[in-house]
Structures are given as C-alpha cells and as structure tokens.
C-alpha cells in the first residue's frame, strides 16, 4: 500500500491515536524507524542498496509524520507573554 499513500495514510492516522493510549510519544518514532531500517537492511543483505534505504526512509518518514501530526496536532502558535 505504500505506493498509494491515499489508501494507507487514513489507517496510519487511526493507528496513531491508539499509540497515544499505549504511551507512545513523538520522540519514539525516530528510534523505531531506525530499528525498522536496520532490520530491513539485515534481512535483505546485499539487496539493500542506497536506493532501497532511501525508499524505506521516505516511506517511514511519510507514515511517521502523518501519525505524529494526527496524534499530536499543533495547538497553534505559542502565545508570548506580554512584558
């Protein structure tokens, strides 16, 4: 489904809400991505080319960004206290 983000992103956003309930924080997404890429690299061996790495990093970046933005929406610009 990664070749059709419009199909997979709604599911990823729904999953993100459940991740919040499990205690997942935005900071946890980066090490999970690193572990995923490491695992794929080990599994593919010599077939894991720089292009493959870039494709997986792009895919994970798209999914994790959508999930974090969905689970932790920005509350707007921070308010600055008057001096």
PDB file of N, CA and C in Angstrom:
ATOM      1  N   UNK A   1       0.786  -1.205   0.000  1.00  0.00           N
ATOM      2  CA  UNK A   1       0.000   0.000   0.000  1.00  0.00           C
ATOM      3  C   UNK A   1       0.829   1.271   0.000  1.00  0.00           C
ATOM      4  N   UNK A   2       2.143   1.155   0.156  1.00  0.00           N
ATOM      5  CA  UNK A   2       2.961   2.363   0.227  1.00  0.00           C
ATOM      6  C   UNK A   2       3.016   3.129  -1.086  1.00  0.00           C
ATOM      7  N   UNK A   3       2.721   2.469  -2.177  1.00  0.00           N
ATOM      8  CA  UNK A   3       2.708   3.157  -3.470  1.00  0.00           C
ATOM      9  C   UNK A   3       1.418   3.955  -3.668  1.00  0.00           C
ATOM     10  N   UNK A   4       0.460   3.796  -2.758  1.00  0.00           N
ATOM     11  CA  UNK A   4      -0.786   4.561  -2.807  1.00  0.00           C
ATOM     12  C   UNK A   4      -1.054   5.165  -1.423  1.00  0.00           C
ATOM     13  N   UNK A   5      -0.336   6.247  -1.084  1.00  0.00           N
ATOM     14  CA  UNK A   5      -0.457   6.809   0.257  1.00  0.00           C
ATOM     15  C   UNK A   5      -1.880   7.194   0.638  1.00  0.00           C
ATOM     16  N   UNK A   6      -2.676   7.586  -0.319  1.00  0.00           N
ATOM     17  CA  UNK A   6      -4.051   7.977  -0.006  1.00  0.00           C
ATOM     18  C   UNK A   6      -4.846   6.827   0.603  1.00  0.00           C
ATOM     19  N   UNK A   7      -4.416   5.614   0.365  1.00  0.00           N
ATOM     20  CA  UNK A   7      -5.094   4.451   0.944  1.00  0.00           C
ATOM     21  C   UNK A   7      -4.553   4.086   2.321  1.00  0.00           C
ATOM     22  N   UNK A   8      -3.273   4.264   2.534  1.00  0.00           N
ATOM     23  CA  UNK A   8      -2.674   3.811   3.780  1.00  0.00           C
ATOM     24  C   UNK A   8      -2.636   4.891   4.869  1.00  0.00           C
ATOM     25  N   UNK A   9      -2.592   6.160   4.490  1.00  0.00           N
ATOM     26  CA  UNK A   9      -2.478   7.224   5.492  1.00  0.00           C
ATOM     27  C   UNK A   9      -3.668   7.298   6.444  1.00  0.00           C
ATOM     28  N   UNK A  10      -4.911   7.117   6.004  1.00  0.00           N
ATOM     29  CA  UNK A  10      -6.012   7.127   6.975  1.00  0.00           C
ATOM     30  C   UNK A  10      -5.858   6.041   8.050  1.00  0.00           C
ATOM     31  N   UNK A  11      -5.397   4.871   7.645  1.00  0.00           N
ATOM     32  CA  UNK A  11      -5.174   3.791   8.607  1.00  0.00           C
ATOM     33  C   UNK A  11      -4.043   4.158   9.567  1.00  0.00           C
ATOM     34  N   UNK A  12      -2.986   4.743   9.045  1.00  0.00           N
ATOM     35  CA  UNK A  12      -1.861   5.160   9.892  1.00  0.00           C
ATOM     36  C   UNK A  12      -2.305   6.211  10.899  1.00  0.00           C
ATOM     37  N   UNK A  13      -3.143   7.141  10.467  1.00  0.00           N
ATOM     38  CA  UNK A  13      -3.636   8.181  11.380  1.00  0.00           C
ATOM     39  C   UNK A  13      -4.509   7.584  12.479  1.00  0.00           C
ATOM     40  N   UNK A  14      -5.335   6.625  12.130  1.00  0.00           N
ATOM     41  CA  UNK A  14      -6.151   5.941  13.143  1.00  0.00           C
ATOM     42  C   UNK A  14      -5.264   5.189  14.131  1.00  0.00           C
ATOM     43  N   UNK A  15      -4.266   4.525  13.615  1.00  0.00           N
ATOM     44  CA  UNK A  15      -3.331   3.788  14.459  1.00  0.00           C
ATOM     45  C   UNK A  15      -2.607   4.728  15.419  1.00  0.00           C
ATOM     46  N   UNK A  16      -2.302   5.915  14.964  1.00  0.00           N
ATOM     47  CA  UNK A  16      -1.594   6.890  15.801  1.00  0.00           C
ATOM     48  C   UNK A  16      -2.365   7.214  17.072  1.00  0.00           C
ATOM     49  N   UNK A  17      -3.665   7.319  16.962  1.00  0.00           N
ATOM     50  CA  UNK A  17      -4.475   7.592  18.148  1.00  0.00           C
ATOM     51  C   UNK A  17      -4.364   6.479  19.174  1.00  0.00           C
ATOM     52  N   UNK A  18      -4.319   5.258  18.714  1.00  0.00           N
ATOM     53  CA  UNK A  18      -4.145   4.130  19.634  1.00  0.00           C
ATOM     54  C   UNK A  18      -2.755   4.130  20.251  1.00  0.00           C
ATOM     55  N   UNK A  19      -1.771   4.559  19.479  1.00  0.00           N
ATOM     56  CA  UNK A  19      -0.406   4.639  20.012  1.00  0.00           C
ATOM     57  C   UNK A  19      -0.328   5.593  21.203  1.00  0.00           C
ATOM     58  N   UNK A  20      -1.070   6.679  21.153  1.00  0.00           N
ATOM     59  CA  UNK A  20      -1.082   7.623  22.278  1.00  0.00           C
ATOM     60  C   UNK A  20      -1.563   6.908  23.537  1.00  0.00           C
ATOM     61  N   UNK A  21      -2.596   6.108  23.391  1.00  0.00           N
ATOM     62  CA  UNK A  21      -3.138   5.369  24.540  1.00  0.00           C
ATOM     63  C   UNK A  21      -2.124   4.379  25.111  1.00  0.00           C
ATOM     64  N   UNK A  22      -1.197   3.915  24.279  1.00  0.00           N
ATOM     65  CA  UNK A  22      -0.161   2.980  24.742  1.00  0.00           C
ATOM     66  C   UNK A  22       1.022   3.703  25.373  1.00  0.00           C
ATOM     67  N   UNK A  23       0.993   5.038  25.333  1.00  0.00           N
ATOM     68  CA  UNK A  23       2.077   5.812  25.922  1.00  0.00           C
ATOM     69  C   UNK A  23       3.180   6.198  24.944  1.00  0.00           C
ATOM     70  N   UNK A  24       2.929   6.020  23.660  1.00  0.00           N
ATOM     71  CA  UNK A  24       3.923   6.387  22.651  1.00  0.00           C
ATOM     72  C   UNK A  24       4.013   7.907  22.575  1.00  0.00           C
ATOM     73  N   UNK A  25       5.233   8.403  22.522  1.00  0.00           N
ATOM     74  CA  UNK A  25       5.464   9.837  22.384  1.00  0.00           C
ATOM     75  C   UNK A  25       6.068  10.115  21.009  1.00  0.00           C
ATOM     76  N   UNK A  26       5.993  11.357  20.540  1.00  0.00           N
ATOM     77  CA  UNK A  26       6.589  11.664  19.238  1.00  0.00           C
ATOM     78  C   UNK A  26       8.074  11.301  19.147  1.00  0.00           C
ATOM     79  N   UNK A  27       8.798  11.433  20.244  1.00  0.00           N
ATOM     80  CA  UNK A  27      10.233  11.132  20.235  1.00  0.00           C
ATOM     81  C   UNK A  27      10.522   9.660  19.974  1.00  0.00           C
ATOM     82  N   UNK A  28       9.556   8.807  20.167  1.00  0.00           N
ATOM     83  CA  UNK A  28       9.767   7.370  19.989  1.00  0.00           C
ATOM     84  C   UNK A  28       9.748   6.943  18.523  1.00  0.00           C
ATOM     85  N   UNK A  29       9.200   7.775  17.663  1.00  0.00           N
ATOM     86  CA  UNK A  29       9.086   7.384  16.262  1.00  0.00           C
ATOM     87  C   UNK A  29      10.445   7.268  15.569  1.00  0.00           C
ATOM     88  N   UNK A  30      11.390   8.130  15.872  1.00  0.00           N
ATOM     89  CA  UNK A  30      12.700   8.082  15.214  1.00  0.00           C
ATOM     90  C   UNK A  30      13.453   6.788  15.522  1.00  0.00           C
ATOM     91  N   UNK A  31      13.590   6.386  16.794  1.00  0.00           N
ATOM     92  CA  UNK A  31      14.314   5.132  17.028  1.00  0.00           C
ATOM     93  C   UNK A  31      13.594   3.906  16.467  1.00  0.00           C
ATOM     94  N   UNK A  32      12.283   3.952  16.416  1.00  0.00           N
ATOM     95  CA  UNK A  32      11.545   2.839  15.798  1.00  0.00           C
ATOM     96  C   UNK A  32      11.867   2.786  14.305  1.00  0.00           C
ATOM     97  N   UNK A  33      11.917   3.940  13.668  1.00  0.00           N
ATOM     98  CA  UNK A  33      12.283   3.991  12.254  1.00  0.00           C
ATOM     99  C   UNK A  33      13.692   3.464  12.023  1.00  0.00           C
ATOM    100  N   UNK A  34      14.609   3.857  12.903  1.00  0.00           N
ATOM    101  CA  UNK A  34      15.980   3.363  12.788  1.00  0.00           C
ATOM    102  C   UNK A  34      16.016   1.841  12.911  1.00  0.00           C
ATOM    103  N   UNK A  35      15.271   1.304  13.867  1.00  0.00           N
ATOM    104  CA  UNK A  35      15.231  -0.149  14.067  1.00  0.00           C
ATOM    105  C   UNK A  35      14.606  -0.851  12.864  1.00  0.00           C
ATOM    106  N   UNK A  36      13.571  -0.254  12.306  1.00  0.00           N
ATOM    107  CA  UNK A  36      12.927  -0.833  11.126  1.00  0.00           C
ATOM    108  C   UNK A  36      13.906  -0.901   9.958  1.00  0.00           C
ATOM    109  N   UNK A  37      14.584   0.215   9.681  1.00  0.00           N
ATOM    110  CA  UNK A  37      15.535   0.257   8.572  1.00  0.00           C
ATOM    111  C   UNK A  37      16.675  -0.746   8.809  1.00  0.00           C
ATOM    112  N   UNK A  38      17.163  -0.807  10.027  1.00  0.00           N
ATOM    113  CA  UNK A  38      18.232  -1.744  10.372  1.00  0.00           C
ATOM    114  C   UNK A  38      17.783  -3.187  10.108  1.00  0.00           C
ATOM    115  N   UNK A  39      16.558  -3.507  10.514  1.00  0.00           N
ATOM    116  CA  UNK A  39      16.024  -4.859  10.335  1.00  0.00           C
ATOM    117  C   UNK A  39      15.865  -5.197   8.858  1.00  0.00           C
ATOM    118  N   UNK A  40      15.342  -4.266   8.093  1.00  0.00           N
ATOM    119  CA  UNK A  40      15.174  -4.499   6.652  1.00  0.00           C
ATOM    120  C   UNK A  40      16.538  -4.691   6.000  1.00  0.00           C
ATOM    121  N   UNK A  41      17.499  -3.868   6.395  1.00  0.00           N
ATOM    122  CA  UNK A  41      18.850  -3.983   5.845  1.00  0.00           C
ATOM    123  C   UNK A  41      19.448  -5.357   6.129  1.00  0.00           C
ATOM    124  N   UNK A  42      19.299  -5.834   7.345  1.00  0.00           N
ATOM    125  CA  UNK A  42      19.838  -7.145   7.696  1.00  0.00           C
ATOM    126  C   UNK A  42      19.114  -8.251   6.927  1.00  0.00           C
ATOM    127  N   UNK A  43      17.822  -8.108   6.785  1.00  0.00           N
ATOM    128  CA  UNK A  43      17.045  -9.120   6.083  1.00  0.00           C
ATOM    129  C   UNK A  43      17.336  -9.187   4.601  1.00  0.00           C
ATOM    130  N   UNK A  44      17.593  -8.042   3.987  1.00  0.00           N
ATOM    131  CA  UNK A  44      17.831  -8.007   2.542  1.00  0.00           C
ATOM    132  C   UNK A  44      19.290  -8.260   2.175  1.00  0.00           C
ATOM    133  N   UNK A  45      20.181  -8.067   3.115  1.00  0.00           N
ATOM    134  CA  UNK A  45      21.594  -8.293   2.820  1.00  0.00           C
ATOM    135  C   UNK A  45      22.093  -7.411   1.695  1.00  0.00           C
ATOM    136  N   UNK A  46      22.749  -8.036   0.713  1.00  0.00           N
ATOM    137  CA  UNK A  46      23.344  -7.286  -0.403  1.00  0.00           C
ATOM    138  C   UNK A  46      22.294  -6.586  -1.274  1.00  0.00           C
ATOM    139  N   UNK A  47      21.054  -7.020  -1.181  1.00  0.00           N
ATOM    140  CA  UNK A  47      19.989  -6.393  -1.961  1.00  0.00           C
ATOM    141  C   UNK A  47      19.543  -5.042  -1.403  1.00  0.00           C
ATOM    142  N   UNK A  48      20.051  -4.704  -0.236  1.00  0.00           N
ATOM    143  CA  UNK A  48      19.692  -3.426   0.395  1.00  0.00           C
ATOM    144  C   UNK A  48      20.634  -2.352  -0.126  1.00  0.00           C
ATOM    145  N   UNK A  49      20.207  -1.711  -1.188  1.00  0.00           N
ATOM    146  CA  UNK A  49      21.023  -0.701  -1.863  1.00  0.00           C
ATOM    147  C   UNK A  49      20.759   0.679  -1.257  1.00  0.00           C
ATOM    148  N   UNK A  50      21.590   1.651  -1.597  1.00  0.00           N
ATOM    149  CA  UNK A  50      21.304   3.019  -1.149  1.00  0.00           C
ATOM    150  C   UNK A  50      19.913   3.492  -1.595  1.00  0.00           C
ATOM    151  N   UNK A  51      19.501   3.070  -2.775  1.00  0.00           N
ATOM    152  CA  UNK A  51      18.172   3.454  -3.270  1.00  0.00           C
ATOM    153  C   UNK A  51      17.072   2.816  -2.426  1.00  0.00           C
ATOM    154  N   UNK A  52      17.298   1.558  -2.013  1.00  0.00           N
ATOM    155  CA  UNK A  52      16.334   0.880  -1.159  1.00  0.00           C
ATOM    156  C   UNK A  52      16.232   1.590   0.180  1.00  0.00           C
ATOM    157  N   UNK A  53      17.380   1.951   0.746  1.00  0.00           N
ATOM    158  CA  UNK A  53      17.380   2.686   2.015  1.00  0.00           C
ATOM    159  C   UNK A  53      16.581   3.989   1.870  1.00  0.00           C
ATOM    160  N   UNK A  54      16.865   4.723   0.813  1.00  0.00           N
ATOM    161  CA  UNK A  54      16.174   5.995   0.607  1.00  0.00           C
ATOM    162  C   UNK A  54      14.663   5.794   0.481  1.00  0.00           C
ATOM    163  N   UNK A  55      14.256   4.754  -0.242  1.00  0.00           N
ATOM    164  CA  UNK A  55      12.827   4.495  -0.412  1.00  0.00           C
ATOM    165  C   UNK A  55      12.162   4.172   0.924  1.00  0.00           C
ATOM    166  N   UNK A  56      12.804   3.313   1.730  1.00  0.00           N
ATOM    167  CA  UNK A  56      12.224   2.960   3.027  1.00  0.00           C
ATOM    168  C   UNK A  56      12.231   4.143   3.985  1.00  0.00           C
ATOM    169  N   UNK A  57      13.293   4.933   3.967  1.00  0.00           N
ATOM    170  CA  UNK A  57      13.338   6.111   4.829  1.00  0.00           C
ATOM    171  C   UNK A  57      12.246   7.110   4.437  1.00  0.00           C
ATOM    172  N   UNK A  58      12.024   7.260   3.151  1.00  0.00           N
ATOM    173  CA  UNK A  58      10.963   8.152   2.669  1.00  0.00           C
ATOM    174  C   UNK A  58       9.597   7.628   3.095  1.00  0.00           C
ATOM    175  N   UNK A  59       9.379   6.329   2.923  1.00  0.00           N
ATOM    176  CA  UNK A  59       8.088   5.739   3.291  1.00  0.00           C
ATOM    177  C   UNK A  59       7.838   5.868   4.789  1.00  0.00           C
ATOM    178  N   UNK A  60       8.832   5.517   5.593  1.00  0.00           N
ATOM    179  CA  UNK A  60       8.654   5.622   7.042  1.00  0.00           C
ATOM    180  C   UNK A  60       8.478   7.083   7.457  1.00  0.00           C
ATOM    181  N   UNK A  61       9.215   7.969   6.838  1.00  0.00           N
ATOM    182  CA  UNK A  61       9.065   9.386   7.143  1.00  0.00           C
ATOM    183  C   UNK A  61       7.653   9.882   6.864  1.00  0.00           C
ATOM    184  N   UNK A  62       7.099   9.469   5.735  1.00  0.00           N
ATOM    185  CA  UNK A  62       5.733   9.860   5.380  1.00  0.00           C
ATOM    186  C   UNK A  62       4.744   9.342   6.413  1.00  0.00           C
ATOM    187  N   UNK A  63       4.873   8.057   6.747  1.00  0.00           N
ATOM    188  CA  UNK A  63       3.932   7.457   7.695  1.00  0.00           C
ATOM    189  C   UNK A  63       4.087   8.037   9.097  1.00  0.00           C
ATOM    190  N   UNK A  64       5.313   8.133   9.568  1.00  0.00           N
ATOM    191  CA  UNK A  64       5.510   8.624  10.932  1.00  0.00           C
ATOM    192  C   UNK A  64       5.121  10.087  11.056  1.00  0.00           C
ATOM    193  N   UNK A  65       5.376  10.886  10.040  1.00  0.00           N
ATOM    194  CA  UNK A  65       4.963  12.289  10.079  1.00  0.00           C
ATOM    195  C   UNK A  65       3.448  12.393  10.149  1.00  0.00           C
ATOM    196  N   UNK A  66       2.760  11.633   9.323  1.00  0.00           N
ATOM    197  CA  UNK A  66       1.291  11.655   9.347  1.00  0.00           C
ATOM    198  C   UNK A  66       0.763  11.207  10.702  1.00  0.00           C
ATOM    199  N   UNK A  67       1.392  10.201  11.275  1.00  0.00           N
ATOM    200  CA  UNK A  67       0.930   9.680  12.564  1.00  0.00           C
ATOM    201  C   UNK A  67       1.157  10.698  13.681  1.00  0.00           C
ATOM    202  N   UNK A  68       2.333  11.287  13.729  1.00  0.00           N
ATOM    203  CA  UNK A  68       2.630  12.266  14.774  1.00  0.00           C
ATOM    204  C   UNK A  68       1.725  13.483  14.632  1.00  0.00           C
ATOM    205  N   UNK A  69       1.556  13.963  13.413  1.00  0.00           N
ATOM    206  CA  UNK A  69       0.692  15.133  13.197  1.00  0.00           C
ATOM    207  C   UNK A  69      -0.751  14.837  13.579  1.00  0.00           C
ATOM    208  N   UNK A  70      -1.195  13.612  13.362  1.00  0.00           N
ATOM    209  CA  UNK A  70      -2.557  13.239  13.711  1.00  0.00           C
ATOM    210  C   UNK A  70      -2.727  13.076  15.213  1.00  0.00           C
ATOM    211  N   UNK A  71      -1.763  12.430  15.848  1.00  0.00           N
ATOM    212  CA  UNK A  71      -1.875  12.122  17.271  1.00  0.00           C
ATOM    213  C   UNK A  71      -1.576  13.318  18.159  1.00  0.00           C
ATOM    214  N   UNK A  72      -0.749  14.215  17.665  1.00  0.00           N
ATOM    215  CA  UNK A  72      -0.329  15.367  18.457  1.00  0.00           C
ATOM    216  C   UNK A  72      -0.511  16.639  17.633  1.00  0.00           C
ATOM    217  N   UNK A  73      -1.762  17.006  17.342  1.00  0.00           N
ATOM    218  CA  UNK A  73      -1.983  18.193  16.499  1.00  0.00           C
ATOM    219  C   UNK A  73      -1.438  19.438  17.186  1.00  0.00           C
ATOM    220  N   UNK A  74      -0.930  20.294  16.374  1.00  0.00           N
ATOM    221  CA  UNK A  74      -0.403  21.552  16.883  1.00  0.00           C
ATOM    222  C   UNK A  74      -1.556  22.401  17.397  1.00  0.00           C
ATOM    223  N   UNK A  75      -1.373  22.994  18.530  1.00  0.00           N
ATOM    224  CA  UNK A  75      -2.418  23.816  19.134  1.00  0.00           C
ATOM    225  C   UNK A  75      -2.328  25.251  18.630  1.00  0.00           C
ATOM    226  N   UNK A  76      -1.580  25.483  17.586  1.00  0.00           N
ATOM    227  CA  UNK A  76      -1.407  26.836  17.070  1.00  0.00           C
ATOM    228  C   UNK A  76      -0.085  27.401  17.546  1.00  0.00           C
ATOM    229  N   UNK A  77       0.154  28.615  17.171  1.00  0.00           N
ATOM    230  CA  UNK A  77       1.402  29.265  17.560  1.00  0.00           C
ATOM    231  C   UNK A  77       1.435  29.503  19.054  1.00  0.00           C
ATOM    232  N   UNK A  78       2.596  29.336  19.663  1.00  0.00           N
ATOM    233  CA  UNK A  78       2.679  29.586  21.100  1.00  0.00           C
ATOM    234  C   UNK A  78       2.418  31.042  21.417  1.00  0.00           C
ATOM    235  N   UNK A  79       1.766  31.256  22.532  1.00  0.00           N
ATOM    236  CA  UNK A  79       1.464  32.627  22.944  1.00  0.00           C
ATOM    237  C   UNK A  79       2.674  33.190  23.671  1.00  0.00           C
ATOM    238  N   UNK A  80       2.993  34.416  23.369  1.00  0.00           N
ATOM    239  CA  UNK A  80       4.121  35.088  24.001  1.00  0.00           C
ATOM    240  C   UNK A  80       3.560  35.980  25.093  1.00  0.00           C
ATOM    241  N   UNK A  81       4.143  35.851  26.281  1.00  0.00           N
ATOM    242  CA  UNK A  81       3.682  36.672  27.402  1.00  0.00           C
ATOM    243  C   UNK A  81       4.059  38.122  27.177  1.00  0.00           C
ATOM    244  N   UNK A  82       3.152  39.001  27.536  1.00  0.00           N
ATOM    245  CA  UNK A  82       3.429  40.434  27.411  1.00  0.00           C
ATOM    246  C   UNK A  82       4.441  40.828  28.468  1.00  0.00           C
ATOM    247  N   UNK A  83       5.334  41.730  28.096  1.00  0.00           N
ATOM    248  CA  UNK A  83       6.351  42.166  29.056  1.00  0.00           C
ATOM    249  C   UNK A  83       5.970  43.477  29.677  1.00  0.00           C
TER     250      UNK A  83
END
